[in-house]
């Protein structure tokens, strides 16, 4: 009989230990869940802000295009060719007169 009581007591201690471990694990999981929820809320705020910013940018572009469309004669201007940009990019000062080549005749 004493042996059975000791076995029950041992099982109760094991069960109490397991219950305590489970409680700790549940507490840890709750804390992790709270952190994930806070992070999700932050991400949602960021996503909402991004959507609002995108909408404002789209509206601004549309207004700018409307303003450009309202300017008479803008479409009649000659377009700038890509060669013009290449020429401008390659400009390095042109045919400047160097100090060694400078003479008094160049100044008059």
PDB file of N, CA and C in Angstrom:
ATOM      1  N   UNK A   1       0.820  -1.182   0.000  1.00  0.00           N
ATOM      2  CA  UNK A   1       0.000   0.000   0.000  1.00  0.00           C
ATOM      3  C   UNK A   1       0.877   1.264   0.000  1.00  0.00           C
ATOM      4  N   UNK A   2       1.900   1.295   0.825  1.00  0.00           N
ATOM      5  CA  UNK A   2       2.796   2.450   0.908  1.00  0.00           C
ATOM      6  C   UNK A   2       3.496   2.647  -0.436  1.00  0.00           C
ATOM      7  N   UNK A   3       3.821   1.548  -1.064  1.00  0.00           N
ATOM      8  CA  UNK A   3       4.493   1.615  -2.353  1.00  0.00           C
ATOM      9  C   UNK A   3       3.586   2.271  -3.407  1.00  0.00           C
ATOM     10  N   UNK A   4       2.301   1.939  -3.372  1.00  0.00           N
ATOM     11  CA  UNK A   4       1.356   2.533  -4.307  1.00  0.00           C
ATOM     12  C   UNK A   4       1.185   4.030  -4.029  1.00  0.00           C
ATOM     13  N   UNK A   5       1.152   4.412  -2.794  1.00  0.00           N
ATOM     14  CA  UNK A   5       1.039   5.821  -2.420  1.00  0.00           C
ATOM     15  C   UNK A   5       2.264   6.581  -2.900  1.00  0.00           C
ATOM     16  N   UNK A   6       3.438   5.966  -2.754  1.00  0.00           N
ATOM     17  CA  UNK A   6       4.670   6.610  -3.207  1.00  0.00           C
ATOM     18  C   UNK A   6       4.663   6.768  -4.736  1.00  0.00           C
ATOM     19  N   UNK A   7       4.142   5.779  -5.456  1.00  0.00           N
ATOM     20  CA  UNK A   7       4.046   5.859  -6.909  1.00  0.00           C
ATOM     21  C   UNK A   7       3.081   6.974  -7.327  1.00  0.00           C
ATOM     22  N   UNK A   8       1.965   7.048  -6.631  1.00  0.00           N
ATOM     23  CA  UNK A   8       0.988   8.117  -6.917  1.00  0.00           C
ATOM     24  C   UNK A   8       1.620   9.473  -6.619  1.00  0.00           C
ATOM     25  N   UNK A   9       2.317   9.558  -5.492  1.00  0.00           N
ATOM     26  CA  UNK A   9       2.974  10.811  -5.139  1.00  0.00           C
ATOM     27  C   UNK A   9       3.998  11.203  -6.201  1.00  0.00           C
ATOM     28  N   UNK A  10       4.762  10.249  -6.693  1.00  0.00           N
ATOM     29  CA  UNK A  10       5.753  10.495  -7.739  1.00  0.00           C
ATOM     30  C   UNK A  10       5.071  10.963  -9.029  1.00  0.00           C
ATOM     31  N   UNK A  11       3.983  10.316  -9.384  1.00  0.00           N
ATOM     32  CA  UNK A  11       3.237  10.713 -10.582  1.00  0.00           C
ATOM     33  C   UNK A  11       2.650  12.119 -10.431  1.00  0.00           C
ATOM     34  N   UNK A  12       2.175  12.429  -9.259  1.00  0.00           N
ATOM     35  CA  UNK A  12       1.627  13.771  -9.004  1.00  0.00           C
ATOM     36  C   UNK A  12       2.731  14.815  -9.145  1.00  0.00           C
ATOM     37  N   UNK A  13       3.919  14.526  -8.629  1.00  0.00           N
ATOM     38  CA  UNK A  13       5.045  15.454  -8.753  1.00  0.00           C
ATOM     39  C   UNK A  13       5.434  15.637 -10.218  1.00  0.00           C
ATOM     40  N   UNK A  14       5.465  14.521 -10.971  1.00  0.00           N
ATOM     41  CA  UNK A  14       5.776  14.607 -12.393  1.00  0.00           C
ATOM     42  C   UNK A  14       4.719  15.425 -13.133  1.00  0.00           C
ATOM     43  N   UNK A  15       3.453  15.172 -12.806  1.00  0.00           N
ATOM     44  CA  UNK A  15       2.361  15.915 -13.441  1.00  0.00           C
ATOM     45  C   UNK A  15       2.454  17.401 -13.102  1.00  0.00           C
ATOM     46  N   UNK A  16       2.775  17.718 -11.860  1.00  0.00           N
ATOM     47  CA  UNK A  16       2.911  19.119 -11.445  1.00  0.00           C
ATOM     48  C   UNK A  16       4.062  19.785 -12.180  1.00  0.00           C
ATOM     49  N   UNK A  17       5.157  19.048 -12.356  1.00  0.00           N
ATOM     50  CA  UNK A  17       6.310  19.563 -13.084  1.00  0.00           C
ATOM     51  C   UNK A  17       5.947  19.816 -14.549  1.00  0.00           C
ATOM     52  N   UNK A  18       5.264  18.858 -15.167  1.00  0.00           N
ATOM     53  CA  UNK A  18       4.833  19.026 -16.562  1.00  0.00           C
ATOM     54  C   UNK A  18       3.861  20.201 -16.711  1.00  0.00           C
ATOM     55  N   UNK A  19       2.963  20.334 -15.775  1.00  0.00           N
ATOM     56  CA  UNK A  19       1.999  21.450 -15.804  1.00  0.00           C
ATOM     57  C   UNK A  19       2.746  22.780 -15.705  1.00  0.00           C
ATOM     58  N   UNK A  20       3.728  22.841 -14.830  1.00  0.00           N
ATOM     59  CA  UNK A  20       4.520  24.075 -14.684  1.00  0.00           C
ATOM     60  C   UNK A  20       5.285  24.380 -15.971  1.00  0.00           C
ATOM     61  N   UNK A  21       5.856  23.366 -16.613  1.00  0.00           N
ATOM     62  CA  UNK A  21       6.565  23.553 -17.885  1.00  0.00           C
ATOM     63  C   UNK A  21       5.592  24.044 -18.967  1.00  0.00           C
ATOM     64  N   UNK A  22       4.407  23.479 -18.993  1.00  0.00           N
ATOM     65  CA  UNK A  22       3.404  23.887 -19.976  1.00  0.00           C
ATOM     66  C   UNK A  22       2.974  25.340 -19.746  1.00  0.00           C
ATOM     67  N   UNK A  23       2.807  25.718 -18.492  1.00  0.00           N
ATOM     68  CA  UNK A  23       2.439  27.100 -18.171  1.00  0.00           C
ATOM     69  C   UNK A  23       3.521  28.073 -18.633  1.00  0.00           C
ATOM     70  N   UNK A  24       4.779  27.680 -18.407  1.00  0.00           N
ATOM     71  CA  UNK A  24       5.890  28.537 -18.845  1.00  0.00           C
ATOM     72  C   UNK A  24       5.905  28.646 -20.369  1.00  0.00           C
ATOM     73  N   UNK A  25       5.701  27.518 -21.037  1.00  0.00           N
ATOM     74  CA  UNK A  25       5.683  27.525 -22.496  1.00  0.00           C
ATOM     75  C   UNK A  25       4.523  28.381 -23.027  1.00  0.00           C
ATOM     76  N   UNK A  26       3.373  28.277 -22.395  1.00  0.00           N
ATOM     77  CA  UNK A  26       2.219  29.089 -22.799  1.00  0.00           C
ATOM     78  C   UNK A  26       2.520  30.568 -22.594  1.00  0.00           C
ATOM     79  N   UNK A  27       3.152  30.909 -21.489  1.00  0.00           N
ATOM     80  CA  UNK A  27       3.510  32.309 -21.225  1.00  0.00           C
ATOM     81  C   UNK A  27       4.491  32.812 -22.288  1.00  0.00           C
ATOM     82  N   UNK A  28       5.476  31.997 -22.638  1.00  0.00           N
ATOM     83  CA  UNK A  28       6.438  32.375 -23.680  1.00  0.00           C
ATOM     84  C   UNK A  28       5.740  32.559 -25.030  1.00  0.00           C
ATOM     85  N   UNK A  29       4.827  31.652 -25.349  1.00  0.00           N
ATOM     86  CA  UNK A  29       4.089  31.751 -26.611  1.00  0.00           C
ATOM     87  C   UNK A  29       3.200  33.001 -26.647  1.00  0.00           C
ATOM     88  N   UNK A  30       2.594  33.316 -25.513  1.00  0.00           N
ATOM     89  CA  UNK A  30       1.772  34.533 -25.445  1.00  0.00           C
ATOM     90  C   UNK A  30       2.627  35.779 -25.685  1.00  0.00           C
ATOM     91  N   UNK A  31       3.802  35.783 -25.083  1.00  0.00           N
ATOM     92  CA  UNK A  31       4.702  36.921 -25.273  1.00  0.00           C
ATOM     93  C   UNK A  31       5.130  37.023 -26.746  1.00  0.00           C
ATOM     94  N   UNK A  32       5.451  35.896 -27.352  1.00  0.00           N
ATOM     95  CA  UNK A  32       5.825  35.892 -28.768  1.00  0.00           C
ATOM     96  C   UNK A  32       4.671  36.351 -29.633  1.00  0.00           C
ATOM     97  N   UNK A  33       3.470  35.912 -29.314  1.00  0.00           N
ATOM     98  CA  UNK A  33       2.282  36.319 -30.063  1.00  0.00           C
ATOM     99  C   UNK A  33       2.056  37.825 -29.956  1.00  0.00           C
ATOM    100  N   UNK A  34       2.249  38.376 -28.776  1.00  0.00           N
ATOM    101  CA  UNK A  34       2.101  39.822 -28.595  1.00  0.00           C
ATOM    102  C   UNK A  34       3.107  40.589 -29.456  1.00  0.00           C
ATOM    103  N   UNK A  35       4.347  40.100 -29.499  1.00  0.00           N
ATOM    104  CA  UNK A  35       5.372  40.748 -30.322  1.00  0.00           C
ATOM    105  C   UNK A  35       5.012  40.675 -31.804  1.00  0.00           C
ATOM    106  N   UNK A  36       4.523  39.518 -32.239  1.00  0.00           N
ATOM    107  CA  UNK A  36       4.129  39.356 -33.643  1.00  0.00           C
ATOM    108  C   UNK A  36       2.952  40.278 -33.967  1.00  0.00           C
ATOM    109  N   UNK A  37       1.994  40.381 -33.061  1.00  0.00           N
ATOM    110  CA  UNK A  37       0.847  41.259 -33.286  1.00  0.00           C
ATOM    111  C   UNK A  37       1.277  42.726 -33.367  1.00  0.00           C
ATOM    112  N   UNK A  38       2.193  43.135 -32.489  1.00  0.00           N
ATOM    113  CA  UNK A  38       2.696  44.513 -32.538  1.00  0.00           C
ATOM    114  C   UNK A  38       3.412  44.763 -33.859  1.00  0.00           C
ATOM    115  N   UNK A  39       4.214  43.798 -34.283  1.00  0.00           N
ATOM    116  CA  UNK A  39       4.942  43.930 -35.546  1.00  0.00           C
ATOM    117  C   UNK A  39       3.961  44.010 -36.716  1.00  0.00           C
ATOM    118  N   UNK A  40       2.931  43.189 -36.687  1.00  0.00           N
ATOM    119  CA  UNK A  40       1.922  43.225 -37.746  1.00  0.00           C
ATOM    120  C   UNK A  40       1.197  44.570 -37.788  1.00  0.00           C
ATOM    121  N   UNK A  41       0.913  45.137 -36.628  1.00  0.00           N
ATOM    122  CA  UNK A  41       0.268  46.453 -36.580  1.00  0.00           C
ATOM    123  C   UNK A  41       1.182  47.518 -37.194  1.00  0.00           C
ATOM    124  N   UNK A  42       2.470  47.452 -36.886  1.00  0.00           N
ATOM    125  CA  UNK A  42       3.430  48.393 -37.458  1.00  0.00           C
ATOM    126  C   UNK A  42       3.496  48.241 -38.975  1.00  0.00           C
ATOM    127  N   UNK A  43       3.523  46.998 -39.441  1.00  0.00           N
ATOM    128  CA  UNK A  43       3.552  46.747 -40.886  1.00  0.00           C
ATOM    129  C   UNK A  43       2.277  47.240 -41.555  1.00  0.00           C
ATOM    130  N   UNK A  44       1.147  47.067 -40.901  1.00  0.00           N
ATOM    131  CA  UNK A  44      -0.116  47.540 -41.464  1.00  0.00           C
ATOM    132  C   UNK A  44      -0.119  49.059 -41.573  1.00  0.00           C
ATOM    133  N   UNK A  45       0.400  49.740 -40.546  1.00  0.00           N
ATOM    134  CA  UNK A  45       0.494  51.202 -40.597  1.00  0.00           C
ATOM    135  C   UNK A  45       1.403  51.633 -41.746  1.00  0.00           C
ATOM    136  N   UNK A  46       2.523  50.924 -41.907  1.00  0.00           N
ATOM    137  CA  UNK A  46       3.446  51.228 -43.000  1.00  0.00           C
ATOM    138  C   UNK A  46       2.772  51.010 -44.346  1.00  0.00           C
ATOM    139  N   UNK A  47       2.053  49.907 -44.488  1.00  0.00           N
ATOM    140  CA  UNK A  47       1.358  49.611 -45.755  1.00  0.00           C
ATOM    141  C   UNK A  47       0.306  50.668 -46.038  1.00  0.00           C
ATOM    142  N   UNK A  48      -0.452  51.072 -45.022  1.00  0.00           N
ATOM    143  CA  UNK A  48      -1.464  52.113 -45.209  1.00  0.00           C
ATOM    144  C   UNK A  48      -0.822  53.431 -45.619  1.00  0.00           C
ATOM    145  N   UNK A  49       0.285  53.770 -44.965  1.00  0.00           N
ATOM    146  CA  UNK A  49       1.006  55.004 -45.288  1.00  0.00           C
ATOM    147  C   UNK A  49       1.533  54.949 -46.715  1.00  0.00           C
ATOM    148  N   UNK A  50       2.060  53.793 -47.110  1.00  0.00           N
ATOM    149  CA  UNK A  50       2.580  53.611 -48.472  1.00  0.00           C
ATOM    150  C   UNK A  50       1.461  53.800 -49.495  1.00  0.00           C
ATOM    151  N   UNK A  51       0.297  53.235 -49.209  1.00  0.00           N
ATOM    152  CA  UNK A  51      -0.846  53.381 -50.115  1.00  0.00           C
ATOM    153  C   UNK A  51      -1.246  54.851 -50.232  1.00  0.00           C
ATOM    154  N   UNK A  52      -1.276  55.555 -49.107  1.00  0.00           N
ATOM    155  CA  UNK A  52      -1.641  56.979 -49.122  1.00  0.00           C
ATOM    156  C   UNK A  52      -0.603  57.784 -49.910  1.00  0.00           C
ATOM    157  N   UNK A  53       0.679  57.502 -49.674  1.00  0.00           N
ATOM    158  CA  UNK A  53       1.740  58.206 -50.393  1.00  0.00           C
ATOM    159  C   UNK A  53       1.648  57.943 -51.899  1.00  0.00           C
ATOM    160  N   UNK A  54       1.390  56.697 -52.260  1.00  0.00           N
ATOM    161  CA  UNK A  54       1.266  56.341 -53.672  1.00  0.00           C
ATOM    162  C   UNK A  54       0.092  57.083 -54.301  1.00  0.00           C
ATOM    163  N   UNK A  55      -1.008  57.154 -53.587  1.00  0.00           N
ATOM    164  CA  UNK A  55      -2.189  57.864 -54.093  1.00  0.00           C
ATOM    165  C   UNK A  55      -1.878  59.348 -54.287  1.00  0.00           C
ATOM    166  N   UNK A  56      -1.186  59.958 -53.318  1.00  0.00           N
ATOM    167  CA  UNK A  56      -0.821  61.371 -53.434  1.00  0.00           C
ATOM    168  C   UNK A  56       0.116  61.607 -54.615  1.00  0.00           C
ATOM    169  N   UNK A  57       1.059  60.705 -54.816  1.00  0.00           N
ATOM    170  CA  UNK A  57       1.994  60.833 -55.947  1.00  0.00           C
ATOM    171  C   UNK A  57       1.243  60.716 -57.264  1.00  0.00           C
ATOM    172  N   UNK A  58       0.328  59.750 -57.346  1.00  0.00           N
ATOM    173  CA  UNK A  58      -0.456  59.579 -58.569  1.00  0.00           C
ATOM    174  C   UNK A  58      -1.293  60.827 -58.863  1.00  0.00           C
ATOM    175  N   UNK A  59      -1.906  61.389 -57.819  1.00  0.00           N
ATOM    176  CA  UNK A  59      -2.699  62.609 -57.994  1.00  0.00           C
ATOM    177  C   UNK A  59      -1.822  63.768 -58.444  1.00  0.00           C
ATOM    178  N   UNK A  60      -0.636  63.874 -57.856  1.00  0.00           N
ATOM    179  CA  UNK A  60       0.288  64.947 -58.222  1.00  0.00           C
ATOM    180  C   UNK A  60       0.726  64.814 -59.680  1.00  0.00           C
ATOM    181  N   UNK A  61       1.027  63.599 -60.109  1.00  0.00           N
ATOM    182  CA  UNK A  61       1.430  63.377 -61.501  1.00  0.00           C
ATOM    183  C   UNK A  61       0.286  63.720 -62.436  1.00  0.00           C
ATOM    184  N   UNK A  62      -0.928  63.304 -62.079  1.00  0.00           N
ATOM    185  CA  UNK A  62      -2.090  63.602 -62.922  1.00  0.00           C
ATOM    186  C   UNK A  62      -2.306  65.110 -63.033  1.00  0.00           C
ATOM    187  N   UNK A  63      -2.173  65.843 -61.922  1.00  0.00           N
ATOM    188  CA  UNK A  63      -2.328  67.303 -61.957  1.00  0.00           C
ATOM    189  C   UNK A  63      -1.234  67.938 -62.807  1.00  0.00           C
ATOM    190  N   UNK A  64      -0.010  67.433 -62.668  1.00  0.00           N
ATOM    191  CA  UNK A  64       1.103  67.975 -63.458  1.00  0.00           C
ATOM    192  C   UNK A  64       0.873  67.738 -64.945  1.00  0.00           C
ATOM    193  N   UNK A  65       0.404  66.560 -65.289  1.00  0.00           N
ATOM    194  CA  UNK A  65       0.100  66.271 -66.693  1.00  0.00           C
ATOM    195  C   UNK A  65      -1.019  67.157 -67.219  1.00  0.00           C
ATOM    196  N   UNK A  66      -2.039  67.391 -66.388  1.00  0.00           N
ATOM    197  CA  UNK A  66      -3.127  68.291 -66.787  1.00  0.00           C
ATOM    198  C   UNK A  66      -2.602  69.701 -67.014  1.00  0.00           C
ATOM    199  N   UNK A  67      -1.703  70.143 -66.139  1.00  0.00           N
ATOM    200  CA  UNK A  67      -1.110  71.472 -66.282  1.00  0.00           C
ATOM    201  C   UNK A  67      -0.301  71.555 -67.568  1.00  0.00           C
ATOM    202  N   UNK A  68       0.479  70.533 -67.859  1.00  0.00           N
ATOM    203  CA  UNK A  68       1.262  70.516 -69.094  1.00  0.00           C
ATOM    204  C   UNK A  68       0.357  70.477 -70.324  1.00  0.00           C
ATOM    205  N   UNK A  69      -0.738  69.739 -70.246  1.00  0.00           N
ATOM    206  CA  UNK A  69      -1.680  69.671 -71.364  1.00  0.00           C
ATOM    207  C   UNK A  69      -2.339  71.022 -71.621  1.00  0.00           C
ATOM    208  N   UNK A  70      -2.464  71.828 -70.569  1.00  0.00           N
ATOM    209  CA  UNK A  70      -3.132  73.120 -70.701  1.00  0.00           C
ATOM    210  C   UNK A  70      -2.239  74.187 -71.334  1.00  0.00           C
ATOM    211  N   UNK A  71      -0.953  73.945 -71.444  1.00  0.00           N
ATOM    212  CA  UNK A  71      -0.031  74.925 -72.029  1.00  0.00           C
ATOM    213  C   UNK A  71      -0.127  74.838 -73.546  1.00  0.00           C
ATOM    214  N   UNK A  72      -0.561  75.945 -74.156  1.00  0.00           N
ATOM    215  CA  UNK A  72      -0.701  75.985 -75.617  1.00  0.00           C
ATOM    216  C   UNK A  72       0.666  75.978 -76.274  1.00  0.00           C
ATOM    217  N   UNK A  73       0.788  75.213 -77.341  1.00  0.00           N
ATOM    218  CA  UNK A  73       1.998  75.214 -78.138  1.00  0.00           C
ATOM    219  C   UNK A  73       3.104  74.324 -77.623  1.00  0.00           C
ATOM    220  N   UNK A  74       2.915  73.689 -76.501  1.00  0.00           N
ATOM    221  CA  UNK A  74       3.978  72.853 -75.938  1.00  0.00           C
ATOM    222  C   UNK A  74       4.274  71.663 -76.849  1.00  0.00           C
ATOM    223  N   UNK A  75       3.246  71.136 -77.465  1.00  0.00           N
ATOM    224  CA  UNK A  75       3.443  69.989 -78.354  1.00  0.00           C
ATOM    225  C   UNK A  75       4.090  70.389 -79.673  1.00  0.00           C
ATOM    226  N   UNK A  76       4.097  71.688 -79.999  1.00  0.00           N
ATOM    227  CA  UNK A  76       4.658  72.144 -81.264  1.00  0.00           C
ATOM    228  C   UNK A  76       6.167  72.332 -81.206  1.00  0.00           C
ATOM    229  N   UNK A  77       6.761  72.280 -80.034  1.00  0.00           N
ATOM    230  CA  UNK A  77       8.203  72.485 -79.896  1.00  0.00           C
ATOM    231  C   UNK A  77       8.957  71.322 -80.518  1.00  0.00           C
ATOM    232  N   UNK A  78      10.121  71.667 -81.122  1.00  0.00           N
ATOM    233  CA  UNK A  78      10.966  70.614 -81.662  1.00  0.00           C
ATOM    234  C   UNK A  78      11.468  69.741 -80.524  1.00  0.00           C
ATOM    235  N   UNK A  79      11.534  68.467 -80.778  1.00  0.00           N
ATOM    236  CA  UNK A  79      12.035  67.563 -79.746  1.00  0.00           C
ATOM    237  C   UNK A  79      13.553  67.561 -79.759  1.00  0.00           C
ATOM    238  N   UNK A  80      14.109  67.364 -78.624  1.00  0.00           N
ATOM    239  CA  UNK A  80      15.560  67.311 -78.491  1.00  0.00           C
ATOM    240  C   UNK A  80      15.985  65.898 -78.831  1.00  0.00           C
ATOM    241  N   UNK A  81      16.931  65.794 -79.747  1.00  0.00           N
ATOM    242  CA  UNK A  81      17.414  64.483 -80.156  1.00  0.00           C
ATOM    243  C   UNK A  81      18.373  63.900 -79.140  1.00  0.00           C
ATOM    244  N   UNK A  82      18.508  62.595 -79.179  1.00  0.00           N
ATOM    245  CA  UNK A  82      19.430  61.932 -78.254  1.00  0.00           C
ATOM    246  C   UNK A  82      20.864  62.335 -78.537  1.00  0.00           C
ATOM    247  N   UNK A  83      21.167  62.683 -79.804  1.00  0.00           N
ATOM    248  CA  UNK A  83      22.527  63.116 -80.139  1.00  0.00           C
ATOM    249  C   UNK A  83      22.881  64.395 -79.399  1.00  0.00           C
ATOM    250  N   UNK A  84      21.886  65.274 -79.185  1.00  0.00           N
ATOM    251  CA  UNK A  84      22.140  66.513 -78.455  1.00  0.00           C
ATOM    252  C   UNK A  84      22.596  66.215 -77.024  1.00  0.00           C
ATOM    253  N   UNK A  85      22.003  65.221 -76.404  1.00  0.00           N
ATOM    254  CA  UNK A  85      22.406  64.858 -75.048  1.00  0.00           C
ATOM    255  C   UNK A  85      23.805  64.262 -75.046  1.00  0.00           C
ATOM    256  N   UNK A  86      24.118  63.438 -76.045  1.00  0.00           N
ATOM    257  CA  UNK A  86      25.455  62.851 -76.135  1.00  0.00           C
ATOM    258  C   UNK A  86      26.506  63.929 -76.301  1.00  0.00           C
ATOM    259  N   UNK A  87      26.193  64.946 -77.137  1.00  0.00           N
ATOM    260  CA  UNK A  87      27.132  66.046 -77.349  1.00  0.00           C
ATOM    261  C   UNK A  87      27.344  66.821 -76.051  1.00  0.00           C
ATOM    262  N   UNK A  88      26.261  67.094 -75.351  1.00  0.00           N
ATOM    263  CA  UNK A  88      26.364  67.833 -74.088  1.00  0.00           C
ATOM    264  C   UNK A  88      27.152  67.037 -73.052  1.00  0.00           C
ATOM    265  N   UNK A  89      26.931  65.731 -72.998  1.00  0.00           N
ATOM    266  CA  UNK A  89      27.648  64.899 -72.027  1.00  0.00           C
ATOM    267  C   UNK A  89      29.136  64.821 -72.330  1.00  0.00           C
ATOM    268  N   UNK A  90      29.500  64.883 -73.609  1.00  0.00           N
ATOM    269  CA  UNK A  90      30.912  64.742 -73.959  1.00  0.00           C
ATOM    270  C   UNK A  90      31.663  66.071 -73.922  1.00  0.00           C
ATOM    271  N   UNK A  91      30.962  67.169 -73.667  1.00  0.00           N
ATOM    272  CA  UNK A  91      31.599  68.478 -73.619  1.00  0.00           C
ATOM    273  C   UNK A  91      32.593  68.534 -72.475  1.00  0.00           C
ATOM    274  N   UNK A  92      33.833  68.904 -72.799  1.00  0.00           N
ATOM    275  CA  UNK A  92      34.858  68.954 -71.757  1.00  0.00           C
ATOM    276  C   UNK A  92      35.580  70.296 -71.739  1.00  0.00           C
ATOM    277  N   UNK A  93      34.941  71.305 -72.236  1.00  0.00           N
ATOM    278  CA  UNK A  93      35.556  72.630 -72.191  1.00  0.00           C
ATOM    279  C   UNK A  93      35.886  73.161 -73.568  1.00  0.00           C
ATOM    280  N   UNK A  94      35.714  72.363 -74.570  1.00  0.00           N
ATOM    281  CA  UNK A  94      35.919  72.840 -75.934  1.00  0.00           C
ATOM    282  C   UNK A  94      37.378  73.081 -76.243  1.00  0.00           C
ATOM    283  N   UNK A  95      37.599  74.017 -77.145  1.00  0.00           N
ATOM    284  CA  UNK A  95      38.952  74.322 -77.625  1.00  0.00           C
ATOM    285  C   UNK A  95      39.503  75.513 -76.854  1.00  0.00           C
ATOM    286  N   UNK A  96      39.672  75.351 -75.609  1.00  0.00           N
ATOM    287  CA  UNK A  96      40.182  76.449 -74.787  1.00  0.00           C
ATOM    288  C   UNK A  96      41.657  76.688 -75.084  1.00  0.00           C
ATOM    289  N   UNK A  97      42.047  77.905 -74.888  1.00  0.00           N
ATOM    290  CA  UNK A  97      43.451  78.258 -75.077  1.00  0.00           C
ATOM    291  C   UNK A  97      44.178  77.955 -73.778  1.00  0.00           C
ATOM    292  N   UNK A  98      45.226  77.185 -73.870  1.00  0.00           N
ATOM    293  CA  UNK A  98      46.015  76.835 -72.696  1.00  0.00           C
ATOM    294  C   UNK A  98      46.971  77.975 -72.361  1.00  0.00           C
ATOM    295  N   UNK A  99      47.428  78.027 -71.158  1.00  0.00           N
ATOM    296  CA  UNK A  99      48.341  79.080 -70.715  1.00  0.00           C
ATOM    297  C   UNK A  99      49.603  79.092 -71.561  1.00  0.00           C
ATOM    298  N   UNK A 100      50.079  77.924 -71.944  1.00  0.00           N
ATOM    299  CA  UNK A 100      51.329  77.844 -72.740  1.00  0.00           C
ATOM    300  C   UNK A 100      51.146  78.446 -74.131  1.00  0.00           C
ATOM    301  N   UNK A 101      49.898  78.352 -74.641  1.00  0.00           N
ATOM    302  CA  UNK A 101      49.627  78.843 -75.998  1.00  0.00           C
ATOM    303  C   UNK A 101      49.179  80.301 -76.022  1.00  0.00           C
ATOM    304  N   UNK A 102      49.009  80.917 -74.887  1.00  0.00           N
ATOM    305  CA  UNK A 102      48.463  82.264 -74.812  1.00  0.00           C
ATOM    306  C   UNK A 102      49.524  83.310 -75.213  1.00  0.00           C
ATOM    307  N   UNK A 103      49.078  84.162 -76.110  1.00  0.00           N
ATOM    308  CA  UNK A 103      49.972  85.240 -76.516  1.00  0.00           C
ATOM    309  C   UNK A 103      49.206  86.541 -76.401  1.00  0.00           C
ATOM    310  N   UNK A 104      49.915  87.642 -76.488  1.00  0.00           N
ATOM    311  CA  UNK A 104      49.298  88.949 -76.379  1.00  0.00           C
ATOM    312  C   UNK A 104      48.350  89.214 -77.543  1.00  0.00           C
ATOM    313  N   UNK A 105      48.615  88.557 -78.666  1.00  0.00           N
ATOM    314  CA  UNK A 105      47.761  88.720 -79.857  1.00  0.00           C
ATOM    315  C   UNK A 105      46.385  88.116 -79.620  1.00  0.00           C
ATOM    316  N   UNK A 106      46.317  87.043 -78.804  1.00  0.00           N
ATOM    317  CA  UNK A 106      45.018  86.389 -78.528  1.00  0.00           C
ATOM    318  C   UNK A 106      44.102  87.293 -77.707  1.00  0.00           C
ATOM    319  N   UNK A 107      44.668  88.188 -76.960  1.00  0.00           N
ATOM    320  CA  UNK A 107      43.886  89.054 -76.083  1.00  0.00           C
ATOM    321  C   UNK A 107      43.328  90.278 -76.798  1.00  0.00           C
ATOM    322  N   UNK A 108      43.855  90.592 -77.944  1.00  0.00           N
ATOM    323  CA  UNK A 108      43.386  91.788 -78.617  1.00  0.00           C
ATOM    324  C   UNK A 108      42.312  91.513 -79.611  1.00  0.00           C
TER     325      UNK A 108
END
